[in-house]
Amino acid sequence: MADSNQILSRVGRLLLAGEMQHGAPRSAAVAYALLIQAHSGDGAEVWRSINEALVARWGENGRERVKKMAWAIHEGCAALERSRGETDAR
């Protein structure tokens, strides 16, 4: 059975792939935020292909915009969890 990070990674990659083809940067940022949660602490090799795909779709500025939005989403969720007394189950 897959652990929660593996599931987040799969869902995030599927969502990101769909948003890369048909969606907007904001939607891609939500998927990217899921991937941040699933892969926090992983090395650059995890992110290389993802970031290259973002650049191919929206250019360097678009990639930076997606990443900035994704980190804001991720940090907002983490702050909400902290305020509720929830901890990371990893």
PDB file of N, CA and C in Angstrom:
ATOM      1  N   MET A   1       0.842  -1.178   0.000  1.00  0.00           N
ATOM      2  CA  MET A   1       0.000   0.000   0.000  1.00  0.00           C
ATOM      3  C   MET A   1       0.888   1.242   0.000  1.00  0.00           C
ATOM      4  N   ALA A   2       0.523   2.221  -0.752  1.00  0.00           N
ATOM      5  CA  ALA A   2       1.300   3.447  -0.879  1.00  0.00           C
ATOM      6  C   ALA A   2       1.120   4.311   0.357  1.00  0.00           C
ATOM      7  N   ASP A   3       2.224   4.975   0.765  1.00  0.00           N
ATOM      8  CA  ASP A   3       2.084   5.897   1.890  1.00  0.00           C
ATOM      9  C   ASP A   3       1.524   7.230   1.393  1.00  0.00           C
ATOM     10  N   SER A   4       1.204   8.108   2.328  1.00  0.00           N
ATOM     11  CA  SER A   4       0.533   9.362   1.953  1.00  0.00           C
ATOM     12  C   SER A   4       1.392  10.228   1.035  1.00  0.00           C
ATOM     13  N   ASN A   5       2.711  10.222   1.208  1.00  0.00           N
ATOM     14  CA  ASN A   5       3.570  11.021   0.333  1.00  0.00           C
ATOM     15  C   ASN A   5       3.573  10.479  -1.089  1.00  0.00           C
ATOM     16  N   GLN A   6       3.544   9.152  -1.242  1.00  0.00           N
ATOM     17  CA  GLN A   6       3.474   8.568  -2.582  1.00  0.00           C
ATOM     18  C   GLN A   6       2.160   8.931  -3.258  1.00  0.00           C
ATOM     19  N   ILE A   7       1.096   8.901  -2.506  1.00  0.00           N
ATOM     20  CA  ILE A   7      -0.218   9.264  -3.059  1.00  0.00           C
ATOM     21  C   ILE A   7      -0.228  10.733  -3.447  1.00  0.00           C
ATOM     22  N   LEU A   8       0.264  11.614  -2.551  1.00  0.00           N
ATOM     23  CA  LEU A   8       0.345  13.038  -2.880  1.00  0.00           C
ATOM     24  C   LEU A   8       1.169  13.262  -4.133  1.00  0.00           C
ATOM     25  N   SER A   9       2.280  12.537  -4.245  1.00  0.00           N
ATOM     26  CA  SER A   9       3.139  12.687  -5.409  1.00  0.00           C
ATOM     27  C   SER A   9       2.406  12.293  -6.688  1.00  0.00           C
ATOM     28  N   ARG A  10       1.724  11.169  -6.660  1.00  0.00           N
ATOM     29  CA  ARG A  10       0.988  10.710  -7.847  1.00  0.00           C
ATOM     30  C   ARG A  10      -0.118  11.684  -8.229  1.00  0.00           C
ATOM     31  N   VAL A  11      -0.892  12.094  -7.240  1.00  0.00           N
ATOM     32  CA  VAL A  11      -1.985  13.039  -7.496  1.00  0.00           C
ATOM     33  C   VAL A  11      -1.422  14.362  -8.015  1.00  0.00           C
ATOM     34  N   GLY A  12      -0.384  14.860  -7.348  1.00  0.00           N
ATOM     35  CA  GLY A  12       0.225  16.120  -7.767  1.00  0.00           C
ATOM     36  C   GLY A  12       0.745  16.069  -9.182  1.00  0.00           C
ATOM     37  N   ARG A  13       1.421  14.980  -9.536  1.00  0.00           N
ATOM     38  CA  ARG A  13       1.958  14.852 -10.898  1.00  0.00           C
ATOM     39  C   ARG A  13       0.847  14.761 -11.934  1.00  0.00           C
ATOM     40  N   LEU A  14      -0.213  14.017 -11.622  1.00  0.00           N
ATOM     41  CA  LEU A  14      -1.338  13.921 -12.555  1.00  0.00           C
ATOM     42  C   LEU A  14      -2.024  15.271 -12.735  1.00  0.00           C
ATOM     43  N   LEU A  15      -2.266  15.950 -11.624  1.00  0.00           N
ATOM     44  CA  LEU A  15      -2.885  17.276 -11.717  1.00  0.00           C
ATOM     45  C   LEU A  15      -2.002  18.246 -12.485  1.00  0.00           C
ATOM     46  N   LEU A  16      -0.713  18.235 -12.183  1.00  0.00           N
ATOM     47  CA  LEU A  16       0.199  19.153 -12.852  1.00  0.00           C
ATOM     48  C   LEU A  16       0.243  18.868 -14.352  1.00  0.00           C
ATOM     49  N   ALA A  17       0.280  17.601 -14.719  1.00  0.00           N
ATOM     50  CA  ALA A  17       0.301  17.254 -16.142  1.00  0.00           C
ATOM     51  C   ALA A  17      -0.943  17.779 -16.847  1.00  0.00           C
ATOM     52  N   GLY A  18      -2.094  17.624 -16.220  1.00  0.00           N
ATOM     53  CA  GLY A  18      -3.336  18.127 -16.813  1.00  0.00           C
ATOM     54  C   GLY A  18      -3.346  19.637 -16.909  1.00  0.00           C
ATOM     55  N   GLU A  19      -2.905  20.298 -15.861  1.00  0.00           N
ATOM     56  CA  GLU A  19      -2.885  21.758 -15.866  1.00  0.00           C
ATOM     57  C   GLU A  19      -1.857  22.297 -16.844  1.00  0.00           C
ATOM     58  N   MET A  20      -0.792  21.573 -17.053  1.00  0.00           N
ATOM     59  CA  MET A  20       0.231  22.004 -18.004  1.00  0.00           C
ATOM     60  C   MET A  20      -0.339  22.023 -19.423  1.00  0.00           C
ATOM     61  N   GLN A  21      -1.252  21.120 -19.709  1.00  0.00           N
ATOM     62  CA  GLN A  21      -1.825  21.052 -21.045  1.00  0.00           C
ATOM     63  C   GLN A  21      -2.990  22.014 -21.231  1.00  0.00           C
ATOM     64  N   HIS A  22      -3.847  22.127 -20.222  1.00  0.00           N
ATOM     65  CA  HIS A  22      -5.110  22.838 -20.429  1.00  0.00           C
ATOM     66  C   HIS A  22      -5.418  23.922 -19.403  1.00  0.00           C
ATOM     67  N   GLY A  23      -4.658  23.986 -18.353  1.00  0.00           N
ATOM     68  CA  GLY A  23      -5.028  24.861 -17.257  1.00  0.00           C
ATOM     69  C   GLY A  23      -4.272  26.170 -17.206  1.00  0.00           C
ATOM     70  N   ALA A  24      -4.499  26.848 -16.121  1.00  0.00           N
ATOM     71  CA  ALA A  24      -3.874  28.131 -15.863  1.00  0.00           C
ATOM     72  C   ALA A  24      -2.758  27.955 -14.838  1.00  0.00           C
ATOM     73  N   PRO A  25      -1.840  28.907 -14.781  1.00  0.00           N
ATOM     74  CA  PRO A  25      -0.761  28.812 -13.793  1.00  0.00           C
ATOM     75  C   PRO A  25      -1.263  28.639 -12.360  1.00  0.00           C
ATOM     76  N   ARG A  26      -2.369  29.270 -12.001  1.00  0.00           N
ATOM     77  CA  ARG A  26      -2.901  29.146 -10.642  1.00  0.00           C
ATOM     78  C   ARG A  26      -3.252  27.697 -10.324  1.00  0.00           C
ATOM     79  N   SER A  27      -3.866  27.008 -11.253  1.00  0.00           N
ATOM     80  CA  SER A  27      -4.203  25.599 -11.044  1.00  0.00           C
ATOM     81  C   SER A  27      -2.946  24.742 -10.956  1.00  0.00           C
ATOM     82  N   ALA A  28      -1.958  25.052 -11.776  1.00  0.00           N
ATOM     83  CA  ALA A  28      -0.691  24.330 -11.716  1.00  0.00           C
ATOM     84  C   ALA A  28      -0.019  24.552 -10.360  1.00  0.00           C
ATOM     85  N   ALA A  29      -0.189  25.735  -9.792  1.00  0.00           N
ATOM     86  CA  ALA A  29       0.408  26.034  -8.490  1.00  0.00           C
ATOM     87  C   ALA A  29      -0.176  25.145  -7.393  1.00  0.00           C
ATOM     88  N   VAL A  30      -1.466  24.840  -7.476  1.00  0.00           N
ATOM     89  CA  VAL A  30      -2.084  23.949  -6.494  1.00  0.00           C
ATOM     90  C   VAL A  30      -1.442  22.565  -6.582  1.00  0.00           C
ATOM     91  N   ALA A  31      -1.275  22.068  -7.797  1.00  0.00           N
ATOM     92  CA  ALA A  31      -0.623  20.771  -7.982  1.00  0.00           C
ATOM     93  C   ALA A  31       0.828  20.815  -7.504  1.00  0.00           C
ATOM     94  N   TYR A  32       1.524  21.894  -7.805  1.00  0.00           N
ATOM     95  CA  TYR A  32       2.913  22.050  -7.381  1.00  0.00           C
ATOM     96  C   TYR A  32       2.988  22.058  -5.856  1.00  0.00           C
ATOM     97  N   ALA A  33       2.020  22.689  -5.192  1.00  0.00           N
ATOM     98  CA  ALA A  33       1.990  22.712  -3.728  1.00  0.00           C
ATOM     99  C   ALA A  33       1.841  21.299  -3.164  1.00  0.00           C
ATOM    100  N   LEU A  34       1.036  20.462  -3.798  1.00  0.00           N
ATOM    101  CA  LEU A  34       0.927  19.055  -3.384  1.00  0.00           C
ATOM    102  C   LEU A  34       2.271  18.355  -3.510  1.00  0.00           C
ATOM    103  N   LEU A  35       2.981  18.648  -4.591  1.00  0.00           N
ATOM    104  CA  LEU A  35       4.290  18.033  -4.792  1.00  0.00           C
ATOM    105  C   LEU A  35       5.310  18.529  -3.769  1.00  0.00           C
ATOM    106  N   ILE A  36       5.220  19.785  -3.382  1.00  0.00           N
ATOM    107  CA  ILE A  36       6.111  20.299  -2.334  1.00  0.00           C
ATOM    108  C   ILE A  36       5.895  19.478  -1.062  1.00  0.00           C
ATOM    109  N   GLN A  37       4.646  19.248  -0.711  1.00  0.00           N
ATOM    110  CA  GLN A  37       4.344  18.467   0.492  1.00  0.00           C
ATOM    111  C   GLN A  37       4.889  17.048   0.367  1.00  0.00           C
ATOM    112  N   ALA A  38       4.712  16.441  -0.783  1.00  0.00           N
ATOM    113  CA  ALA A  38       5.135  15.052  -0.987  1.00  0.00           C
ATOM    114  C   ALA A  38       6.644  14.900  -1.062  1.00  0.00           C
ATOM    115  N   HIS A  39       7.333  15.907  -1.548  1.00  0.00           N
ATOM    116  CA  HIS A  39       8.766  15.779  -1.813  1.00  0.00           C
ATOM    117  C   HIS A  39       9.630  16.742  -1.025  1.00  0.00           C
ATOM    118  N   SER A  40       9.126  17.305   0.059  1.00  0.00           N
ATOM    119  CA  SER A  40       9.954  18.223   0.831  1.00  0.00           C
ATOM    120  C   SER A  40      11.187  17.474   1.317  1.00  0.00           C
ATOM    121  N   GLY A  41      12.330  18.078   1.107  1.00  0.00           N
ATOM    122  CA  GLY A  41      13.589  17.472   1.499  1.00  0.00           C
ATOM    123  C   GLY A  41      14.228  16.598   0.441  1.00  0.00           C
ATOM    124  N   ASP A  42      13.524  16.327  -0.644  1.00  0.00           N
ATOM    125  CA  ASP A  42      14.113  15.532  -1.716  1.00  0.00           C
ATOM    126  C   ASP A  42      15.091  16.377  -2.516  1.00  0.00           C
ATOM    127  N   GLY A  43      15.963  15.724  -3.216  1.00  0.00           N
ATOM    128  CA  GLY A  43      16.978  16.412  -3.992  1.00  0.00           C
ATOM    129  C   GLY A  43      16.463  17.052  -5.262  1.00  0.00           C
ATOM    130  N   ALA A  44      17.345  17.758  -5.922  1.00  0.00           N
ATOM    131  CA  ALA A  44      17.007  18.519  -7.124  1.00  0.00           C
ATOM    132  C   ALA A  44      16.514  17.635  -8.268  1.00  0.00           C
ATOM    133  N   GLU A  45      16.911  16.368  -8.287  1.00  0.00           N
ATOM    134  CA  GLU A  45      16.508  15.499  -9.398  1.00  0.00           C
ATOM    135  C   GLU A  45      14.998  15.329  -9.479  1.00  0.00           C
ATOM    136  N   VAL A  46      14.322  15.416  -8.351  1.00  0.00           N
ATOM    137  CA  VAL A  46      12.862  15.309  -8.338  1.00  0.00           C
ATOM    138  C   VAL A  46      12.240  16.497  -9.067  1.00  0.00           C
ATOM    139  N   TRP A  47      12.851  17.650  -8.923  1.00  0.00           N
ATOM    140  CA  TRP A  47      12.260  18.901  -9.414  1.00  0.00           C
ATOM    141  C   TRP A  47      12.705  19.297 -10.813  1.00  0.00           C
ATOM    142  N   ARG A  48      13.792  18.744 -11.290  1.00  0.00           N
ATOM    143  CA  ARG A  48      14.342  19.161 -12.585  1.00  0.00           C
ATOM    144  C   ARG A  48      13.319  19.053 -13.715  1.00  0.00           C
ATOM    145  N   SER A  49      12.718  17.875 -13.874  1.00  0.00           N
ATOM    146  CA  SER A  49      11.780  17.686 -14.994  1.00  0.00           C
ATOM    147  C   SER A  49      10.516  18.519 -14.802  1.00  0.00           C
ATOM    148  N   ILE A  50      10.076  18.661 -13.560  1.00  0.00           N
ATOM    149  CA  ILE A  50       8.888  19.462 -13.287  1.00  0.00           C
ATOM    150  C   ILE A  50       9.134  20.915 -13.676  1.00  0.00           C
ATOM    151  N   ASN A  51      10.266  21.460 -13.232  1.00  0.00           N
ATOM    152  CA  ASN A  51      10.581  22.854 -13.532  1.00  0.00           C
ATOM    153  C   ASN A  51      10.840  23.085 -15.018  1.00  0.00           C
ATOM    154  N   GLU A  52      11.467  22.117 -15.669  1.00  0.00           N
ATOM    155  CA  GLU A  52      11.678  22.233 -17.114  1.00  0.00           C
ATOM    156  C   GLU A  52      10.347  22.265 -17.863  1.00  0.00           C
ATOM    157  N   ALA A  53       9.399  21.449 -17.420  1.00  0.00           N
ATOM    158  CA  ALA A  53       8.081  21.433 -18.057  1.00  0.00           C
ATOM    159  C   ALA A  53       7.353  22.753 -17.848  1.00  0.00           C
ATOM    160  N   LEU A  54       7.480  23.327 -16.662  1.00  0.00           N
ATOM    161  CA  LEU A  54       6.858  24.628 -16.406  1.00  0.00           C
ATOM    162  C   LEU A  54       7.454  25.701 -17.308  1.00  0.00           C
ATOM    163  N   VAL A  55       8.768  25.687 -17.469  1.00  0.00           N
ATOM    164  CA  VAL A  55       9.431  26.670 -18.342  1.00  0.00           C
ATOM    165  C   VAL A  55       8.972  26.478 -19.783  1.00  0.00           C
ATOM    166  N   ALA A  56       8.872  25.230 -20.225  1.00  0.00           N
ATOM    167  CA  ALA A  56       8.442  24.958 -21.601  1.00  0.00           C
ATOM    168  C   ALA A  56       7.027  25.475 -21.840  1.00  0.00           C
ATOM    169  N   ARG A  57       6.172  25.398 -20.822  1.00  0.00           N
ATOM    170  CA  ARG A  57       4.772  25.808 -20.986  1.00  0.00           C
ATOM    171  C   ARG A  57       4.570  27.316 -20.831  1.00  0.00           C
ATOM    172  N   TRP A  58       5.206  27.896 -19.777  1.00  0.00           N
ATOM    173  CA  TRP A  58       4.927  29.294 -19.450  1.00  0.00           C
ATOM    174  C   TRP A  58       6.171  30.183 -19.394  1.00  0.00           C
ATOM    175  N   GLY A  59       7.344  29.653 -19.724  1.00  0.00           N
ATOM    176  CA  GLY A  59       8.568  30.447 -19.684  1.00  0.00           C
ATOM    177  C   GLY A  59       9.106  30.596 -18.265  1.00  0.00           C
ATOM    178  N   GLU A  60      10.282  31.205 -18.163  1.00  0.00           N
ATOM    179  CA  GLU A  60      10.923  31.382 -16.856  1.00  0.00           C
ATOM    180  C   GLU A  60      10.052  32.190 -15.895  1.00  0.00           C
ATOM    181  N   ASN A  61       9.493  33.292 -16.381  1.00  0.00           N
ATOM    182  CA  ASN A  61       8.653  34.118 -15.512  1.00  0.00           C
ATOM    183  C   ASN A  61       7.417  33.361 -15.037  1.00  0.00           C
ATOM    184  N   GLY A  62       6.832  32.575 -15.924  1.00  0.00           N
ATOM    185  CA  GLY A  62       5.675  31.775 -15.544  1.00  0.00           C
ATOM    186  C   GLY A  62       6.023  30.720 -14.517  1.00  0.00           C
ATOM    187  N   ARG A  63       7.177  30.079 -14.695  1.00  0.00           N
ATOM    188  CA  ARG A  63       7.612  29.087 -13.711  1.00  0.00           C
ATOM    189  C   ARG A  63       7.773  29.731 -12.345  1.00  0.00           C
ATOM    190  N   GLU A  64       8.406  30.885 -12.318  1.00  0.00           N
ATOM    191  CA  GLU A  64       8.602  31.577 -11.035  1.00  0.00           C
ATOM    192  C   GLU A  64       7.275  31.982 -10.415  1.00  0.00           C
ATOM    193  N   ARG A  65       6.316  32.391 -11.239  1.00  0.00           N
ATOM    194  CA  ARG A  65       4.989  32.751 -10.743  1.00  0.00           C
ATOM    195  C   ARG A  65       4.293  31.528 -10.142  1.00  0.00           C
ATOM    196  N   VAL A  66       4.370  30.393 -10.839  1.00  0.00           N
ATOM    197  CA  VAL A  66       3.761  29.156 -10.343  1.00  0.00           C
ATOM    198  C   VAL A  66       4.409  28.753  -9.023  1.00  0.00           C
ATOM    199  N   LYS A  67       5.735  28.784  -8.976  1.00  0.00           N
ATOM    200  CA  LYS A  67       6.438  28.398  -7.751  1.00  0.00           C
ATOM    201  C   LYS A  67       6.089  29.319  -6.587  1.00  0.00           C
ATOM    202  N   LYS A  68       6.020  30.616  -6.839  1.00  0.00           N
ATOM    203  CA  LYS A  68       5.691  31.571  -5.786  1.00  0.00           C
ATOM    204  C   LYS A  68       4.290  31.304  -5.245  1.00  0.00           C
ATOM    205  N   MET A  69       3.333  31.083  -6.142  1.00  0.00           N
ATOM    206  CA  MET A  69       1.970  30.775  -5.707  1.00  0.00           C
ATOM    207  C   MET A  69       1.928  29.452  -4.944  1.00  0.00           C
ATOM    208  N   ALA A  70       2.656  28.448  -5.438  1.00  0.00           N
ATOM    209  CA  ALA A  70       2.659  27.134  -4.802  1.00  0.00           C
ATOM    210  C   ALA A  70       3.222  27.208  -3.384  1.00  0.00           C
ATOM    211  N   TRP A  71       4.319  27.937  -3.218  1.00  0.00           N
ATOM    212  CA  TRP A  71       4.887  28.067  -1.880  1.00  0.00           C
ATOM    213  C   TRP A  71       3.943  28.821  -0.954  1.00  0.00           C
ATOM    214  N   ALA A  72       3.247  29.807  -1.457  1.00  0.00           N
ATOM    215  CA  ALA A  72       2.277  30.535  -0.635  1.00  0.00           C
ATOM    216  C   ALA A  72       1.151  29.598  -0.198  1.00  0.00           C
ATOM    217  N   ILE A  73       0.675  28.762  -1.098  1.00  0.00           N
ATOM    218  CA  ILE A  73      -0.361  27.781  -0.765  1.00  0.00           C
ATOM    219  C   ILE A  73       0.160  26.810   0.283  1.00  0.00           C
ATOM    220  N   HIS A  74       1.343  26.277   0.044  1.00  0.00           N
ATOM    221  CA  HIS A  74       1.956  25.320   0.969  1.00  0.00           C
ATOM    222  C   HIS A  74       2.144  25.931   2.357  1.00  0.00           C
ATOM    223  N   GLU A  75       2.685  27.132   2.407  1.00  0.00           N
ATOM    224  CA  GLU A  75       2.929  27.790   3.690  1.00  0.00           C
ATOM    225  C   GLU A  75       1.622  28.146   4.394  1.00  0.00           C
ATOM    226  N   GLY A  76       0.616  28.536   3.633  1.00  0.00           N
ATOM    227  CA  GLY A  76      -0.687  28.820   4.220  1.00  0.00           C
ATOM    228  C   GLY A  76      -1.312  27.578   4.839  1.00  0.00           C
ATOM    229  N   CYS A  77      -1.205  26.465   4.156  1.00  0.00           N
ATOM    230  CA  CYS A  77      -1.734  25.203   4.698  1.00  0.00           C
ATOM    231  C   CYS A  77      -0.967  24.785   5.952  1.00  0.00           C
ATOM    232  N   ALA A  78       0.352  24.944   5.927  1.00  0.00           N
ATOM    233  CA  ALA A  78       1.166  24.600   7.093  1.00  0.00           C
ATOM    234  C   ALA A  78       0.800  25.478   8.287  1.00  0.00           C
ATOM    235  N   ALA A  79       0.580  26.765   8.049  1.00  0.00           N
ATOM    236  CA  ALA A  79       0.189  27.675   9.133  1.00  0.00           C
ATOM    237  C   ALA A  79      -1.168  27.283   9.704  1.00  0.00           C
ATOM    238  N   LEU A  80      -2.083  26.900   8.833  1.00  0.00           N
ATOM    239  CA  LEU A  80      -3.411  26.468   9.291  1.00  0.00           C
ATOM    240  C   LEU A  80      -3.297  25.215  10.145  1.00  0.00           C
ATOM    241  N   GLU A  81      -2.485  24.260   9.702  1.00  0.00           N
ATOM    242  CA  GLU A  81      -2.281  23.043  10.485  1.00  0.00           C
ATOM    243  C   GLU A  81      -1.689  23.360  11.850  1.00  0.00           C
ATOM    244  N   ARG A  82      -0.701  24.255  11.880  1.00  0.00           N
ATOM    245  CA  ARG A  82      -0.089  24.644  13.155  1.00  0.00           C
ATOM    246  C   ARG A  82      -1.115  25.301  14.069  1.00  0.00           C
ATOM    247  N   SER A  83      -1.962  26.156  13.514  1.00  0.00           N
ATOM    248  CA  SER A  83      -2.954  26.849  14.331  1.00  0.00           C
ATOM    249  C   SER A  83      -3.988  25.888  14.919  1.00  0.00           C
ATOM    250  N   ARG A  84      -4.179  24.780  14.238  1.00  0.00           N
ATOM    251  CA  ARG A  84      -5.130  23.760  14.717  1.00  0.00           C
ATOM    252  C   ARG A  84      -4.446  22.737  15.611  1.00  0.00           C
ATOM    253  N   GLY A  85      -3.136  22.866  15.775  1.00  0.00           N
ATOM    254  CA  GLY A  85      -2.391  21.913  16.590  1.00  0.00           C
ATOM    255  C   GLY A  85      -2.073  20.620  15.893  1.00  0.00           C
ATOM    256  N   GLU A  86      -2.236  20.598  14.576  1.00  0.00           N
ATOM    257  CA  GLU A  86      -1.939  19.396  13.799  1.00  0.00           C
ATOM    258  C   GLU A  86      -0.444  19.360  13.525  1.00  0.00           C
ATOM    259  N   THR A  87       0.099  18.156  13.426  1.00  0.00           N
ATOM    260  CA  THR A  87       1.510  17.996  13.120  1.00  0.00           C
ATOM    261  C   THR A  87       1.666  17.154  11.876  1.00  0.00           C
ATOM    262  N   ASP A  88       2.834  17.243  11.305  1.00  0.00           N
ATOM    263  CA  ASP A  88       3.155  16.465  10.120  1.00  0.00           C
ATOM    264  C   ASP A  88       3.325  14.998  10.532  1.00  0.00           C
ATOM    265  N   ALA A  89       2.612  14.106   9.868  1.00  0.00           N
ATOM    266  CA  ALA A  89       2.629  12.690  10.238  1.00  0.00           C
ATOM    267  C   ALA A  89       3.848  11.954   9.721  1.00  0.00           C
ATOM    268  N   ARG A  90       4.725  12.638   9.004  1.00  0.00           N
ATOM    269  CA  ARG A  90       5.905  11.937   8.465  1.00  0.00           C
ATOM    270  C   ARG A  90       6.876  11.588   9.515  1.00  0.00           C
TER     271      ARG A  90
END
